[in-house]
Amino acid sequence: MHSAPDSAEVLRDGPLEVWPADALALAAGRPLRLSVREYGVLTELLRRAGRIVSREDLFQAVWGRPGRPGDRSVDVYVHKVRTKLEEAVPGWEFIHTHVGFGYRLSSEPLHPFHIPATGR
């Protein structure tokens, strides 16, 4: 397990942890393999956990500049992060889409009716 000085910032939500000073992201205690942009998206959503973050705000925070009209980069990277999180911690949902508003990170275990059928 990772250890750091008490003064180090740690962002947590459910089974997710991000250590910004170390550029380390963990899901259920295991390191996630993320690109720089994927890590940025996850970190910014985790900083605002539970709140809806607009695509524009997310683009500005991760890319460091305003996005261009029609640019879908945020959507692409959110999809990549969502997929990696769901593969790393099956049975959990992390990033929620709010159509017309943006994205919200809130770690939630899936309810039984959301789990795929057992093959019957």
PDB file of N, CA and C in Angstrom:
ATOM      1  N   MET A   1       0.835  -1.184   0.000  1.00  0.00           N
ATOM      2  CA  MET A   1       0.000   0.000   0.000  1.00  0.00           C
ATOM      3  C   MET A   1       0.869   1.232   0.000  1.00  0.00           C
ATOM      4  N   HIS A   2       0.360   2.299  -0.533  1.00  0.00           N
ATOM      5  CA  HIS A   2       1.086   3.554  -0.663  1.00  0.00           C
ATOM      6  C   HIS A   2       1.111   4.292   0.675  1.00  0.00           C
ATOM      7  N   SER A   3       2.236   4.838   1.030  1.00  0.00           N
ATOM      8  CA  SER A   3       2.301   5.664   2.229  1.00  0.00           C
ATOM      9  C   SER A   3       2.908   7.002   1.857  1.00  0.00           C
ATOM     10  N   ALA A   4       2.401   8.059   2.481  1.00  0.00           N
ATOM     11  CA  ALA A   4       2.865   9.406   2.187  1.00  0.00           C
ATOM     12  C   ALA A   4       2.795  10.228   3.461  1.00  0.00           C
ATOM     13  N   PRO A   5       3.482  11.349   3.499  1.00  0.00           N
ATOM     14  CA  PRO A   5       3.398  12.206   4.668  1.00  0.00           C
ATOM     15  C   PRO A   5       1.959  12.639   4.914  1.00  0.00           C
ATOM     16  N   ASP A   6       1.633  12.927   6.170  1.00  0.00           N
ATOM     17  CA  ASP A   6       0.282  13.329   6.528  1.00  0.00           C
ATOM     18  C   ASP A   6      -0.177  14.578   5.783  1.00  0.00           C
ATOM     19  N   SER A   7       0.757  15.424   5.366  1.00  0.00           N
ATOM     20  CA  SER A   7       0.402  16.669   4.700  1.00  0.00           C
ATOM     21  C   SER A   7       0.033  16.472   3.236  1.00  0.00           C
ATOM     22  N   ALA A   8       0.253  15.288   2.673  1.00  0.00           N
ATOM     23  CA  ALA A   8      -0.030  15.035   1.263  1.00  0.00           C
ATOM     24  C   ALA A   8      -1.547  15.003   1.037  1.00  0.00           C
ATOM     25  N   GLU A   9      -1.973  15.675  -0.035  1.00  0.00           N
ATOM     26  CA  GLU A   9      -3.384  15.681  -0.398  1.00  0.00           C
ATOM     27  C   GLU A   9      -3.769  14.318  -0.959  1.00  0.00           C
ATOM     28  N   VAL A  10      -4.887  13.789  -0.505  1.00  0.00           N
ATOM     29  CA  VAL A  10      -5.432  12.541  -1.033  1.00  0.00           C
ATOM     30  C   VAL A  10      -6.903  12.790  -1.330  1.00  0.00           C
ATOM     31  N   LEU A  11      -7.297  12.490  -2.556  1.00  0.00           N
ATOM     32  CA  LEU A  11      -8.693  12.612  -2.957  1.00  0.00           C
ATOM     33  C   LEU A  11      -9.308  11.223  -2.916  1.00  0.00           C
ATOM     34  N   ARG A  12     -10.466  11.086  -2.248  1.00  0.00           N
ATOM     35  CA  ARG A  12     -11.091   9.763  -2.104  1.00  0.00           C
ATOM     36  C   ARG A  12     -12.588   9.840  -2.392  1.00  0.00           C
ATOM     37  N   ASP A  13     -13.087   8.764  -2.972  1.00  0.00           N
ATOM     38  CA  ASP A  13     -14.520   8.577  -3.137  1.00  0.00           C
ATOM     39  C   ASP A  13     -14.733   7.080  -3.322  1.00  0.00           C
ATOM     40  N   GLY A  14     -15.404   6.451  -2.367  1.00  0.00           N
ATOM     41  CA  GLY A  14     -15.602   5.003  -2.445  1.00  0.00           C
ATOM     42  C   GLY A  14     -14.266   4.303  -2.556  1.00  0.00           C
ATOM     43  N   PRO A  15     -14.119   3.368  -3.508  1.00  0.00           N
ATOM     44  CA  PRO A  15     -12.868   2.631  -3.667  1.00  0.00           C
ATOM     45  C   PRO A  15     -11.791   3.374  -4.456  1.00  0.00           C
ATOM     46  N   LEU A  16     -12.031   4.649  -4.770  1.00  0.00           N
ATOM     47  CA  LEU A  16     -11.054   5.428  -5.546  1.00  0.00           C
ATOM     48  C   LEU A  16     -10.203   6.306  -4.641  1.00  0.00           C
ATOM     49  N   GLU A  17      -8.922   6.398  -4.992  1.00  0.00           N
ATOM     50  CA  GLU A  17      -7.996   7.306  -4.322  1.00  0.00           C
ATOM     51  C   GLU A  17      -7.093   7.912  -5.381  1.00  0.00           C
ATOM     52  N   VAL A  18      -6.825   9.203  -5.262  1.00  0.00           N
ATOM     53  CA  VAL A  18      -5.849   9.863  -6.117  1.00  0.00           C
ATOM     54  C   VAL A  18      -4.907  10.638  -5.213  1.00  0.00           C
ATOM     55  N   TRP A  19      -3.621  10.461  -5.451  1.00  0.00           N
ATOM     56  CA  TRP A  19      -2.552  11.151  -4.728  1.00  0.00           C
ATOM     57  C   TRP A  19      -1.931  12.138  -5.721  1.00  0.00           C
ATOM     58  N   PRO A  20      -2.468  13.364  -5.816  1.00  0.00           N
ATOM     59  CA  PRO A  20      -1.984  14.313  -6.833  1.00  0.00           C
ATOM     60  C   PRO A  20      -0.483  14.586  -6.783  1.00  0.00           C
ATOM     61  N   ALA A  21       0.107  14.677  -5.611  1.00  0.00           N
ATOM     62  CA  ALA A  21       1.540  14.969  -5.521  1.00  0.00           C
ATOM     63  C   ALA A  21       2.384  13.857  -6.143  1.00  0.00           C
ATOM     64  N   ASP A  22       1.844  12.634  -6.155  1.00  0.00           N
ATOM     65  CA  ASP A  22       2.575  11.483  -6.694  1.00  0.00           C
ATOM     66  C   ASP A  22       2.056  11.048  -8.063  1.00  0.00           C
ATOM     67  N   ALA A  23       1.022  11.730  -8.573  1.00  0.00           N
ATOM     68  CA  ALA A  23       0.376  11.341  -9.834  1.00  0.00           C
ATOM     69  C   ALA A  23      -0.015   9.860  -9.800  1.00  0.00           C
ATOM     70  N   LEU A  24      -0.595   9.447  -8.676  1.00  0.00           N
ATOM     71  CA  LEU A  24      -0.974   8.052  -8.465  1.00  0.00           C
ATOM     72  C   LEU A  24      -2.486   7.951  -8.306  1.00  0.00           C
ATOM     73  N   ALA A  25      -3.098   7.051  -9.052  1.00  0.00           N
ATOM     74  CA  ALA A  25      -4.528   6.778  -8.940  1.00  0.00           C
ATOM     75  C   ALA A  25      -4.699   5.305  -8.578  1.00  0.00           C
ATOM     76  N   LEU A  26      -5.521   5.049  -7.566  1.00  0.00           N
ATOM     77  CA  LEU A  26      -5.780   3.685  -7.114  1.00  0.00           C
ATOM     78  C   LEU A  26      -7.274   3.396  -7.183  1.00  0.00           C
ATOM     79  N   ALA A  27      -7.601   2.176  -7.574  1.00  0.00           N
ATOM     80  CA  ALA A  27      -8.981   1.689  -7.554  1.00  0.00           C
ATOM     81  C   ALA A  27      -8.963   0.411  -6.732  1.00  0.00           C
ATOM     82  N   ALA A  28      -9.678   0.426  -5.615  1.00  0.00           N
ATOM     83  CA  ALA A  28      -9.699  -0.715  -4.696  1.00  0.00           C
ATOM     84  C   ALA A  28      -8.275  -1.105  -4.290  1.00  0.00           C
ATOM     85  N   GLY A  29      -7.422  -0.090  -4.095  1.00  0.00           N
ATOM     86  CA  GLY A  29      -6.059  -0.323  -3.629  1.00  0.00           C
ATOM     87  C   GLY A  29      -5.053  -0.697  -4.693  1.00  0.00           C
ATOM     88  N   ARG A  30      -5.513  -0.852  -5.946  1.00  0.00           N
ATOM     89  CA  ARG A  30      -4.607  -1.224  -7.036  1.00  0.00           C
ATOM     90  C   ARG A  30      -4.377  -0.039  -7.964  1.00  0.00           C
ATOM     91  N   PRO A  31      -3.140   0.146  -8.424  1.00  0.00           N
ATOM     92  CA  PRO A  31      -2.849   1.274  -9.315  1.00  0.00           C
ATOM     93  C   PRO A  31      -3.612   1.165 -10.638  1.00  0.00           C
ATOM     94  N   LEU A  32      -4.089   2.302 -11.109  1.00  0.00           N
ATOM     95  CA  LEU A  32      -4.740   2.388 -12.421  1.00  0.00           C
ATOM     96  C   LEU A  32      -3.714   2.851 -13.447  1.00  0.00           C
ATOM     97  N   ARG A  33      -3.780   2.283 -14.622  1.00  0.00           N
ATOM     98  CA  ARG A  33      -2.906   2.717 -15.724  1.00  0.00           C
ATOM     99  C   ARG A  33      -3.696   3.725 -16.548  1.00  0.00           C
ATOM    100  N   LEU A  34      -3.345   4.997 -16.378  1.00  0.00           N
ATOM    101  CA  LEU A  34      -4.055   6.076 -17.041  1.00  0.00           C
ATOM    102  C   LEU A  34      -3.089   6.952 -17.828  1.00  0.00           C
ATOM    103  N   SER A  35      -3.555   7.469 -18.950  1.00  0.00           N
ATOM    104  CA  SER A  35      -2.768   8.457 -19.684  1.00  0.00           C
ATOM    105  C   SER A  35      -2.800   9.767 -18.897  1.00  0.00           C
ATOM    106  N   VAL A  36      -2.004  10.722 -19.318  1.00  0.00           N
ATOM    107  CA  VAL A  36      -1.960  12.015 -18.639  1.00  0.00           C
ATOM    108  C   VAL A  36      -3.347  12.676 -18.651  1.00  0.00           C
ATOM    109  N   ARG A  37      -4.017  12.667 -19.787  1.00  0.00           N
ATOM    110  CA  ARG A  37      -5.352  13.282 -19.880  1.00  0.00           C
ATOM    111  C   ARG A  37      -6.384  12.503 -19.067  1.00  0.00           C
ATOM    112  N   GLU A  38      -6.326  11.177 -19.112  1.00  0.00           N
ATOM    113  CA  GLU A  38      -7.251  10.367 -18.315  1.00  0.00           C
ATOM    114  C   GLU A  38      -7.065  10.666 -16.830  1.00  0.00           C
ATOM    115  N   TYR A  39      -5.817  10.749 -16.406  1.00  0.00           N
ATOM    116  CA  TYR A  39      -5.519  11.067 -15.005  1.00  0.00           C
ATOM    117  C   TYR A  39      -6.067  12.452 -14.653  1.00  0.00           C
ATOM    118  N   GLY A  40      -5.901  13.406 -15.553  1.00  0.00           N
ATOM    119  CA  GLY A  40      -6.411  14.757 -15.321  1.00  0.00           C
ATOM    120  C   GLY A  40      -7.921  14.780 -15.178  1.00  0.00           C
ATOM    121  N   VAL A  41      -8.613  14.058 -16.052  1.00  0.00           N
ATOM    122  CA  VAL A  41     -10.076  13.990 -15.988  1.00  0.00           C
ATOM    123  C   VAL A  41     -10.514  13.378 -14.659  1.00  0.00           C
ATOM    124  N   LEU A  42      -9.920  12.245 -14.277  1.00  0.00           N
ATOM    125  CA  LEU A  42     -10.286  11.595 -13.025  1.00  0.00           C
ATOM    126  C   LEU A  42     -10.015  12.510 -11.830  1.00  0.00           C
ATOM    127  N   THR A  43      -8.857  13.144 -11.810  1.00  0.00           N
ATOM    128  CA  THR A  43      -8.498  14.007 -10.692  1.00  0.00           C
ATOM    129  C   THR A  43      -9.462  15.184 -10.565  1.00  0.00           C
ATOM    130  N   GLU A  44      -9.778  15.820 -11.680  1.00  0.00           N
ATOM    131  CA  GLU A  44     -10.685  16.973 -11.623  1.00  0.00           C
ATOM    132  C   GLU A  44     -12.094  16.566 -11.213  1.00  0.00           C
ATOM    133  N   LEU A  45     -12.576  15.427 -11.702  1.00  0.00           N
ATOM    134  CA  LEU A  45     -13.892  14.956 -11.267  1.00  0.00           C
ATOM    135  C   LEU A  45     -13.875  14.591  -9.787  1.00  0.00           C
ATOM    136  N   LEU A  46     -12.788  13.989  -9.329  1.00  0.00           N
ATOM    137  CA  LEU A  46     -12.681  13.606  -7.924  1.00  0.00           C
ATOM    138  C   LEU A  46     -12.581  14.829  -7.015  1.00  0.00           C
ATOM    139  N   ARG A  47     -11.916  15.883  -7.478  1.00  0.00           N
ATOM    140  CA  ARG A  47     -11.852  17.134  -6.699  1.00  0.00           C
ATOM    141  C   ARG A  47     -13.252  17.708  -6.471  1.00  0.00           C
ATOM    142  N   ARG A  48     -14.159  17.423  -7.405  1.00  0.00           N
ATOM    143  CA  ARG A  48     -15.526  17.954  -7.331  1.00  0.00           C
ATOM    144  C   ARG A  48     -16.540  16.822  -7.126  1.00  0.00           C
ATOM    145  N   ALA A  49     -16.126  15.755  -6.477  1.00  0.00           N
ATOM    146  CA  ALA A  49     -16.981  14.571  -6.299  1.00  0.00           C
ATOM    147  C   ALA A  49     -18.359  14.971  -5.781  1.00  0.00           C
ATOM    148  N   GLY A  50     -19.366  14.357  -6.420  1.00  0.00           N
ATOM    149  CA  GLY A  50     -20.740  14.604  -6.018  1.00  0.00           C
ATOM    150  C   GLY A  50     -21.371  15.811  -6.695  1.00  0.00           C
ATOM    151  N   ARG A  51     -20.579  16.599  -7.400  1.00  0.00           N
ATOM    152  CA  ARG A  51     -21.106  17.782  -8.095  1.00  0.00           C
ATOM    153  C   ARG A  51     -20.994  17.594  -9.601  1.00  0.00           C
ATOM    154  N   ILE A  52     -21.915  18.181 -10.332  1.00  0.00           N
ATOM    155  CA  ILE A  52     -21.869  18.122 -11.795  1.00  0.00           C
ATOM    156  C   ILE A  52     -20.812  19.107 -12.277  1.00  0.00           C
ATOM    157  N   VAL A  53     -19.941  18.619 -13.156  1.00  0.00           N
ATOM    158  CA  VAL A  53     -18.889  19.445 -13.744  1.00  0.00           C
ATOM    159  C   VAL A  53     -19.197  19.564 -15.234  1.00  0.00           C
ATOM    160  N   SER A  54     -19.293  20.788 -15.719  1.00  0.00           N
ATOM    161  CA  SER A  54     -19.607  20.980 -17.144  1.00  0.00           C
ATOM    162  C   SER A  54     -18.431  20.540 -18.007  1.00  0.00           C
ATOM    163  N   ARG A  55     -18.720  20.193 -19.247  1.00  0.00           N
ATOM    164  CA  ARG A  55     -17.665  19.827 -20.194  1.00  0.00           C
ATOM    165  C   ARG A  55     -16.664  20.964 -20.329  1.00  0.00           C
ATOM    166  N   GLU A  56     -17.165  22.199 -20.384  1.00  0.00           N
ATOM    167  CA  GLU A  56     -16.299  23.370 -20.536  1.00  0.00           C
ATOM    168  C   GLU A  56     -15.345  23.508 -19.348  1.00  0.00           C
ATOM    169  N   ASP A  57     -15.873  23.366 -18.133  1.00  0.00           N
ATOM    170  CA  ASP A  57     -15.021  23.475 -16.937  1.00  0.00           C
ATOM    171  C   ASP A  57     -13.992  22.353 -16.895  1.00  0.00           C
ATOM    172  N   LEU A  58     -14.410  21.153 -17.265  1.00  0.00           N
ATOM    173  CA  LEU A  58     -13.499  20.011 -17.271  1.00  0.00           C
ATOM    174  C   LEU A  58     -12.397  20.203 -18.312  1.00  0.00           C
ATOM    175  N   PHE A  59     -12.761  20.676 -19.489  1.00  0.00           N
ATOM    176  CA  PHE A  59     -11.760  20.918 -20.534  1.00  0.00           C
ATOM    177  C   PHE A  59     -10.763  21.980 -20.059  1.00  0.00           C
ATOM    178  N   GLN A  60     -11.256  23.072 -19.507  1.00  0.00           N
ATOM    179  CA  GLN A  60     -10.381  24.151 -19.026  1.00  0.00           C
ATOM    180  C   GLN A  60      -9.422  23.633 -17.955  1.00  0.00           C
ATOM    181  N   ALA A  61      -9.927  22.837 -17.019  1.00  0.00           N
ATOM    182  CA  ALA A  61      -9.096  22.335 -15.923  1.00  0.00           C
ATOM    183  C   ALA A  61      -8.037  21.342 -16.400  1.00  0.00           C
ATOM    184  N   VAL A  62      -8.383  20.472 -17.351  1.00  0.00           N
ATOM    185  CA  VAL A  62      -7.463  19.413 -17.791  1.00  0.00           C
ATOM    186  C   VAL A  62      -6.530  19.880 -18.912  1.00  0.00           C
ATOM    187  N   TRP A  63      -7.063  20.584 -19.884  1.00  0.00           N
ATOM    188  CA  TRP A  63      -6.269  21.012 -21.035  1.00  0.00           C
ATOM    189  C   TRP A  63      -5.630  22.392 -20.814  1.00  0.00           C
ATOM    190  N   GLY A  64      -6.119  23.136 -19.828  1.00  0.00           N
ATOM    191  CA  GLY A  64      -5.531  24.428 -19.498  1.00  0.00           C
ATOM    192  C   GLY A  64      -5.883  25.553 -20.458  1.00  0.00           C
ATOM    193  N   ARG A  65      -6.938  25.374 -21.203  1.00  0.00           N
ATOM    194  CA  ARG A  65      -7.389  26.411 -22.141  1.00  0.00           C
ATOM    195  C   ARG A  65      -8.860  26.149 -22.448  1.00  0.00           C
ATOM    196  N   PRO A  66      -9.560  27.140 -22.969  1.00  0.00           N
ATOM    197  CA  PRO A  66     -10.964  26.908 -23.335  1.00  0.00           C
ATOM    198  C   PRO A  66     -11.076  25.925 -24.495  1.00  0.00           C
ATOM    199  N   GLY A  67     -12.122  25.138 -24.482  1.00  0.00           N
ATOM    200  CA  GLY A  67     -12.361  24.208 -25.577  1.00  0.00           C
ATOM    201  C   GLY A  67     -12.964  24.912 -26.779  1.00  0.00           C
ATOM    202  N   ARG A  68     -12.875  24.261 -27.919  1.00  0.00           N
ATOM    203  CA  ARG A  68     -13.485  24.788 -29.143  1.00  0.00           C
ATOM    204  C   ARG A  68     -14.916  24.261 -29.255  1.00  0.00           C
ATOM    205  N   PRO A  69     -15.801  25.058 -29.810  1.00  0.00           N
ATOM    206  CA  PRO A  69     -17.179  24.581 -30.004  1.00  0.00           C
ATOM    207  C   PRO A  69     -17.192  23.262 -30.789  1.00  0.00           C
ATOM    208  N   GLY A  70     -17.978  22.311 -30.314  1.00  0.00           N
ATOM    209  CA  GLY A  70     -18.102  21.024 -30.990  1.00  0.00           C
ATOM    210  C   GLY A  70     -17.015  20.016 -30.656  1.00  0.00           C
ATOM    211  N   ASP A  71     -16.003  20.417 -29.888  1.00  0.00           N
ATOM    212  CA  ASP A  71     -14.922  19.496 -29.519  1.00  0.00           C
ATOM    213  C   ASP A  71     -15.476  18.431 -28.573  1.00  0.00           C
ATOM    214  N   ARG A  72     -15.226  17.172 -28.866  1.00  0.00           N
ATOM    215  CA  ARG A  72     -15.747  16.047 -28.060  1.00  0.00           C
ATOM    216  C   ARG A  72     -14.652  15.375 -27.220  1.00  0.00           C
ATOM    217  N   SER A  73     -13.514  16.028 -27.073  1.00  0.00           N
ATOM    218  CA  SER A  73     -12.387  15.436 -26.329  1.00  0.00           C
ATOM    219  C   SER A  73     -12.781  15.019 -24.919  1.00  0.00           C
ATOM    220  N   VAL A  74     -13.518  15.859 -24.215  1.00  0.00           N
ATOM    221  CA  VAL A  74     -13.922  15.531 -22.849  1.00  0.00           C
ATOM    222  C   VAL A  74     -14.739  14.251 -22.841  1.00  0.00           C
ATOM    223  N   ASP A  75     -15.694  14.136 -23.754  1.00  0.00           N
ATOM    224  CA  ASP A  75     -16.537  12.935 -23.809  1.00  0.00           C
ATOM    225  C   ASP A  75     -15.708  11.681 -24.060  1.00  0.00           C
ATOM    226  N   VAL A  76     -14.740  11.791 -24.974  1.00  0.00           N
ATOM    227  CA  VAL A  76     -13.879  10.650 -25.298  1.00  0.00           C
ATOM    228  C   VAL A  76     -13.086  10.214 -24.069  1.00  0.00           C
ATOM    229  N   TYR A  77     -12.483  11.171 -23.364  1.00  0.00           N
ATOM    230  CA  TYR A  77     -11.659  10.818 -22.210  1.00  0.00           C
ATOM    231  C   TYR A  77     -12.490  10.366 -21.019  1.00  0.00           C
ATOM    232  N   VAL A  78     -13.671  10.927 -20.842  1.00  0.00           N
ATOM    233  CA  VAL A  78     -14.557  10.441 -19.772  1.00  0.00           C
ATOM    234  C   VAL A  78     -14.917   8.986 -20.044  1.00  0.00           C
ATOM    235  N   HIS A  79     -15.216   8.664 -21.299  1.00  0.00           N
ATOM    236  CA  HIS A  79     -15.539   7.277 -21.654  1.00  0.00           C
ATOM    237  C   HIS A  79     -14.365   6.344 -21.336  1.00  0.00           C
ATOM    238  N   LYS A  80     -13.151   6.759 -21.678  1.00  0.00           N
ATOM    239  CA  LYS A  80     -11.972   5.933 -21.405  1.00  0.00           C
ATOM    240  C   LYS A  80     -11.790   5.709 -19.903  1.00  0.00           C
ATOM    241  N   VAL A  81     -11.935   6.770 -19.121  1.00  0.00           N
ATOM    242  CA  VAL A  81     -11.768   6.654 -17.670  1.00  0.00           C
ATOM    243  C   VAL A  81     -12.869   5.782 -17.085  1.00  0.00           C
ATOM    244  N   ARG A  82     -14.096   6.004 -17.522  1.00  0.00           N
ATOM    245  CA  ARG A  82     -15.237   5.222 -17.034  1.00  0.00           C
ATOM    246  C   ARG A  82     -14.997   3.732 -17.295  1.00  0.00           C
ATOM    247  N   THR A  83     -14.552   3.388 -18.490  1.00  0.00           N
ATOM    248  CA  THR A  83     -14.295   1.994 -18.849  1.00  0.00           C
ATOM    249  C   THR A  83     -13.212   1.389 -17.966  1.00  0.00           C
ATOM    250  N   LYS A  84     -12.119   2.107 -17.764  1.00  0.00           N
ATOM    251  CA  LYS A  84     -11.017   1.584 -16.942  1.00  0.00           C
ATOM    252  C   LYS A  84     -11.448   1.402 -15.487  1.00  0.00           C
ATOM    253  N   LEU A  85     -12.238   2.330 -14.969  1.00  0.00           N
ATOM    254  CA  LEU A  85     -12.709   2.200 -13.590  1.00  0.00           C
ATOM    255  C   LEU A  85     -13.636   1.003 -13.435  1.00  0.00           C
ATOM    256  N   GLU A  86     -14.553   0.832 -14.370  1.00  0.00           N
ATOM    257  CA  GLU A  86     -15.497  -0.276 -14.279  1.00  0.00           C
ATOM    258  C   GLU A  86     -14.821  -1.633 -14.476  1.00  0.00           C
ATOM    259  N   GLU A  87     -13.722  -1.673 -15.244  1.00  0.00           N
ATOM    260  CA  GLU A  87     -12.951  -2.915 -15.377  1.00  0.00           C
ATOM    261  C   GLU A  87     -12.159  -3.184 -14.101  1.00  0.00           C
ATOM    262  N   ALA A  88     -11.644  -2.131 -13.471  1.00  0.00           N
ATOM    263  CA  ALA A  88     -10.818  -2.294 -12.267  1.00  0.00           C
ATOM    264  C   ALA A  88     -11.650  -2.678 -11.050  1.00  0.00           C
ATOM    265  N   VAL A  89     -12.888  -2.180 -10.989  1.00  0.00           N
ATOM    266  CA  VAL A  89     -13.752  -2.451  -9.834  1.00  0.00           C
ATOM    267  C   VAL A  89     -15.141  -2.829 -10.353  1.00  0.00           C
ATOM    268  N   PRO A  90     -15.291  -4.093 -10.785  1.00  0.00           N
ATOM    269  CA  PRO A  90     -16.595  -4.528 -11.295  1.00  0.00           C
ATOM    270  C   PRO A  90     -17.673  -4.386 -10.217  1.00  0.00           C
ATOM    271  N   GLY A  91     -18.882  -4.116 -10.669  1.00  0.00           N
ATOM    272  CA  GLY A  91     -19.985  -3.993  -9.729  1.00  0.00           C
ATOM    273  C   GLY A  91     -20.139  -2.586  -9.165  1.00  0.00           C
ATOM    274  N   TRP A  92     -19.338  -1.652  -9.660  1.00  0.00           N
ATOM    275  CA  TRP A  92     -19.423  -0.260  -9.221  1.00  0.00           C
ATOM    276  C   TRP A  92     -19.619   0.638 -10.433  1.00  0.00           C
ATOM    277  N   GLU A  93     -20.287   1.747 -10.199  1.00  0.00           N
ATOM    278  CA  GLU A  93     -20.440   2.784 -11.211  1.00  0.00           C
ATOM    279  C   GLU A  93     -19.812   4.046 -10.624  1.00  0.00           C
ATOM    280  N   PHE A  94     -19.086   4.794 -11.461  1.00  0.00           N
ATOM    281  CA  PHE A  94     -18.322   5.926 -10.950  1.00  0.00           C
ATOM    282  C   PHE A  94     -18.702   7.264 -11.571  1.00  0.00           C
ATOM    283  N   ILE A  95     -18.745   7.344 -12.887  1.00  0.00           N
ATOM    284  CA  ILE A  95     -18.977   8.611 -13.562  1.00  0.00           C
ATOM    285  C   ILE A  95     -20.372   8.595 -14.168  1.00  0.00           C
ATOM    286  N   HIS A  96     -21.158   9.575 -13.781  1.00  0.00           N
ATOM    287  CA  HIS A  96     -22.549   9.671 -14.209  1.00  0.00           C
ATOM    288  C   HIS A  96     -22.696  10.837 -15.185  1.00  0.00           C
ATOM    289  N   THR A  97     -23.401  10.606 -16.284  1.00  0.00           N
ATOM    290  CA  THR A  97     -23.642  11.637 -17.282  1.00  0.00           C
ATOM    291  C   THR A  97     -24.935  12.367 -16.958  1.00  0.00           C
ATOM    292  N   HIS A  98     -24.893  13.683 -17.001  1.00  0.00           N
ATOM    293  CA  HIS A  98     -26.075  14.519 -16.852  1.00  0.00           C
ATOM    294  C   HIS A  98     -26.220  15.272 -18.168  1.00  0.00           C
ATOM    295  N   VAL A  99     -27.058  14.718 -19.047  1.00  0.00           N
ATOM    296  CA  VAL A  99     -27.206  15.221 -20.411  1.00  0.00           C
ATOM    297  C   VAL A  99     -27.543  16.721 -20.376  1.00  0.00           C
ATOM    298  N   GLY A 100     -26.760  17.462 -21.149  1.00  0.00           N
ATOM    299  CA  GLY A 100     -26.963  18.901 -21.234  1.00  0.00           C
ATOM    300  C   GLY A 100     -26.268  19.688 -20.133  1.00  0.00           C
ATOM    301  N   PHE A 101     -25.711  18.978 -19.124  1.00  0.00           N
ATOM    302  CA  PHE A 101     -25.062  19.659 -18.011  1.00  0.00           C
ATOM    303  C   PHE A 101     -23.592  19.283 -17.874  1.00  0.00           C
ATOM    304  N   GLY A 102     -23.283  17.989 -17.874  1.00  0.00           N
ATOM    305  CA  GLY A 102     -21.899  17.560 -17.724  1.00  0.00           C
ATOM    306  C   GLY A 102     -21.802  16.196 -17.062  1.00  0.00           C
ATOM    307  N   TYR A 103     -20.765  16.031 -16.244  1.00  0.00           N
ATOM    308  CA  TYR A 103     -20.481  14.748 -15.606  1.00  0.00           C
ATOM    309  C   TYR A 103     -20.358  14.925 -14.100  1.00  0.00           C
ATOM    310  N   ARG A 104     -20.700  13.853 -13.372  1.00  0.00           N
ATOM    311  CA  ARG A 104     -20.596  13.850 -11.910  1.00  0.00           C
ATOM    312  C   ARG A 104     -19.921  12.553 -11.489  1.00  0.00           C
ATOM    313  N   LEU A 105     -18.904  12.661 -10.641  1.00  0.00           N
ATOM    314  CA  LEU A 105     -18.271  11.465 -10.093  1.00  0.00           C
ATOM    315  C   LEU A 105     -18.899  11.180  -8.734  1.00  0.00           C
ATOM    316  N   SER A 106     -19.425   9.984  -8.605  1.00  0.00           N
ATOM    317  CA  SER A 106     -19.978   9.503  -7.347  1.00  0.00           C
ATOM    318  C   SER A 106     -19.890   7.986  -7.386  1.00  0.00           C
ATOM    319  N   SER A 107     -19.027   7.426  -6.555  1.00  0.00           N
ATOM    320  CA  SER A 107     -18.823   5.979  -6.541  1.00  0.00           C
ATOM    321  C   SER A 107     -20.022   5.303  -5.897  1.00  0.00           C
ATOM    322  N   GLU A 108     -20.669   4.430  -6.660  1.00  0.00           N
ATOM    323  CA  GLU A 108     -21.876   3.756  -6.168  1.00  0.00           C
ATOM    324  C   GLU A 108     -21.858   2.294  -6.587  1.00  0.00           C
ATOM    325  N   PRO A 109     -22.103   1.394  -5.630  1.00  0.00           N
ATOM    326  CA  PRO A 109     -22.228  -0.015  -6.037  1.00  0.00           C
ATOM    327  C   PRO A 109     -23.482  -0.177  -6.892  1.00  0.00           C
ATOM    328  N   LEU A 110     -23.371  -1.009  -7.909  1.00  0.00           N
ATOM    329  CA  LEU A 110     -24.524  -1.266  -8.772  1.00  0.00           C
ATOM    330  C   LEU A 110     -25.570  -2.055  -8.001  1.00  0.00           C
ATOM    331  N   HIS A 111     -26.814  -1.769  -8.287  1.00  0.00           N
ATOM    332  CA  HIS A 111     -27.904  -2.533  -7.693  1.00  0.00           C
ATOM    333  C   HIS A 111     -28.059  -3.822  -8.486  1.00  0.00           C
ATOM    334  N   PRO A 112     -28.581  -4.879  -7.873  1.00  0.00           N
ATOM    335  CA  PRO A 112     -28.694  -6.169  -8.571  1.00  0.00           C
ATOM    336  C   PRO A 112     -29.372  -6.081  -9.934  1.00  0.00           C
ATOM    337  N   PHE A 113     -30.341  -5.193 -10.104  1.00  0.00           N
ATOM    338  CA  PHE A 113     -31.013  -5.122 -11.399  1.00  0.00           C
ATOM    339  C   PHE A 113     -30.155  -4.450 -12.460  1.00  0.00           C
ATOM    340  N   HIS A 114     -29.000  -3.901 -12.090  1.00  0.00           N
ATOM    341  CA  HIS A 114     -28.074  -3.333 -13.054  1.00  0.00           C
ATOM    342  C   HIS A 114     -26.979  -4.315 -13.486  1.00  0.00           C
ATOM    343  N   ILE A 115     -26.851  -5.404 -12.775  1.00  0.00           N
ATOM    344  CA  ILE A 115     -25.820  -6.387 -13.088  1.00  0.00           C
ATOM    345  C   ILE A 115     -26.294  -7.233 -14.274  1.00  0.00           C
ATOM    346  N   PRO A 116     -25.416  -7.472 -15.246  1.00  0.00           N
ATOM    347  CA  PRO A 116     -25.808  -8.251 -16.422  1.00  0.00           C
ATOM    348  C   PRO A 116     -26.391  -9.619 -16.034  1.00  0.00           C
ATOM    349  N   ALA A 117     -27.252 -10.140 -16.878  1.00  0.00           N
ATOM    350  CA  ALA A 117     -27.888 -11.440 -16.651  1.00  0.00           C
ATOM    351  C   ALA A 117     -26.846 -12.540 -16.511  1.00  0.00           C
ATOM    352  N   THR A 118     -27.229 -13.607 -15.842  1.00  0.00           N
ATOM    353  CA  THR A 118     -26.322 -14.704 -15.549  1.00  0.00           C
ATOM    354  C   THR A 118     -26.235 -15.745 -16.659  1.00  0.00           C
ATOM    355  N   GLY A 119     -26.850 -15.473 -17.795  1.00  0.00           N
ATOM    356  CA  GLY A 119     -26.744 -16.406 -18.907  1.00  0.00           C
ATOM    357  C   GLY A 119     -27.865 -17.412 -18.979  1.00  0.00           C
ATOM    358  N   ARG A 120     -28.938 -17.196 -18.246  1.00  0.00           N
ATOM    359  CA  ARG A 120     -30.088 -18.101 -18.286  1.00  0.00           C
ATOM    360  C   ARG A 120     -30.809 -17.989 -19.587  1.00  0.00           C
TER     361      ARG A 120
END
